[in-house]
Amino acid sequence: MATGDLESTRNSKVMYSIVSSSNTKQKWSNTIDLLVGKYQTKWPKGVSVIEYSKNVLEALSSLRQARPSYTCFIALYDECTADYVRTVNCLTREIDPSNPYGDTIWAILTGFEEDDVRFTIEQEPLTVRRILGGTMLNLNLFESGSWYCDFNTGVSYHKKIGSNEIIKKKSEDVTKTLVEEIFPPRLSGGDQGVDMIVNSGHASNRDFSIGLANGKFVSLSEGRLQAVTKFGESFTIPSPRGSNPKIFCATGNCLVGLISDSSSMALALQHTARVVQLMGYIVSTWFGYGGWGMHRYFFGSPGIYSFSESFFANQQALLATLYTKYISKGETSKGLIFDMDNVVLYGDPAWEAKLEKKPAEDPLSNESKCSAPYLVDDKTLRFPVEPFEFSVQELPPNTVLGEDWRIWSLKVNGHCGRPPVYIFRHTVSEYKVLEGNAIINCRFVMPLNSKVVTTRSADQCDIPEDYDFTGEHFIIFATID
């Protein structure tokens, strides 16, 4: 985790809250019991179940009392409307009303059918070793994988297991090849199946394409998927197909996170492709901070942040940018406000999917210590990155603050184009920064740095400000469990 050694001294802390409507609880009671059992084994007496009648906002008072480290909103798919997603986004910032930041690592757990949800709950942690992309990726972060270009027609890049060579290919249509990559069972140590899918380009909540000039995947009713080549040939993929869990980052896709009915893509990816965590937009995306920022944490600091922690960290980075650089000056950012409540993470928020830890590399290109620079139109694509490193140490008690307060020194080093977010191992009840410049709340501390390498208009596009924390940066803060 992107956390350190802030272990709790309390035995009754709620680590995991399950929030559901009465209707969901009645229909999926056995599945909720399965989820409770999973995390009671990990955190005895650390799981709470919160039930509401009609509106998820009814859960707020119970969440404020529980102050959970993780919150799973389990819901029948017909409850997961765009309004529901926006409400959950807002709700998770209101548990601690003293600040505008997120107070719990959250996700929405749903599925076309109950068995899809149970499959998600039953999964062990995932190490992402093989990837499939519909946008530019650094394949050297993985044992093997492929990415299909979203700006050069028919171009793709491939890396086989055991090799550092990046192979460039060009083809007319690779829809059948993509089916063969996504759906076969994942074989450990082999170039078959995938652990993660990352995508950009054309999409809706009914279809998506991978790369330019390829076909597309179309969601049908009852959680089914159909592949359609650019020449019009189509074939339906049996459901469910494969048994290995996957994560899906719809980074630059419009609407993939929107569930409007049983034919929605998010449900089909879960049911047929066995996607157990999915990040996506519920609207047509144009700004991109909420999507592309996931890469900065997940790929920029391999093995430091899980997929759900990357989602949480990027949300806090968005809010910090909005409040410190705009609202504090009496200004606003239409792009940041647009992205604030229109992204969603589906799945179990405490389930961990991570990359293996790697040395500093470039998450936006194929340039790294073990390969030659990757060129596109004779231009080297380069974004210098140094993965975040956090070091935390407990200091002697502060007699002025009192014996309940624990004092911590945090050292951070790194650079990935987003501010470093140090996520506490559990929610704390009180918190304050004693030395240094940082944002802190009950769930994280975010060191701030006045050194900005590149400044762009926040409403221009998602080319984020570079937060450079290379070198040693210290924050002293205090917490009460």
Foldseek 3Di string as FASTA:
>chain_A
DLADDPDDPDLQAAAEEEEEEPVCCVVQVVLVVLLVVVVCVVRPNRYYYHYDHDASLVCLVVCLVRLYQEYEYEYELQVPALVNLLVVLQSQQPSPVPDRAGRYLYAYAYALDSVLSSLQSPDAFAAFAEEEELDFWQNVLHQWYKAAHAPDAQWMWIDFGPDLDIDIDGDQECQVVVCQAQFAADDPPGNHHGAEYEYADEDAQAWDDRYHNYWIWGFDASLWIKTAGPVGDIDTQDWATYRDEHAYQDQHYAQLPGRNDRRTNVNNCSTHRVHAKYKDFNGNDFFRQQRVQLCLQQVLFFPSAFSSRSNSQSLRLLVCCQVVVAVVVVHGAPNSVVNNRGMGMYHGSPRGYTYDGDFFAFGRFNDGPRDDFDDDPNDGDGDGWGHKDKDKDWDDDDVVVHDQKTKMKIKIAIKRLTWDKRFYPIFFDDKDWDDAAWDDDRTIITHQDPDWDDDDDSHPHPPGIIGHRHDIDMTMMMTGD
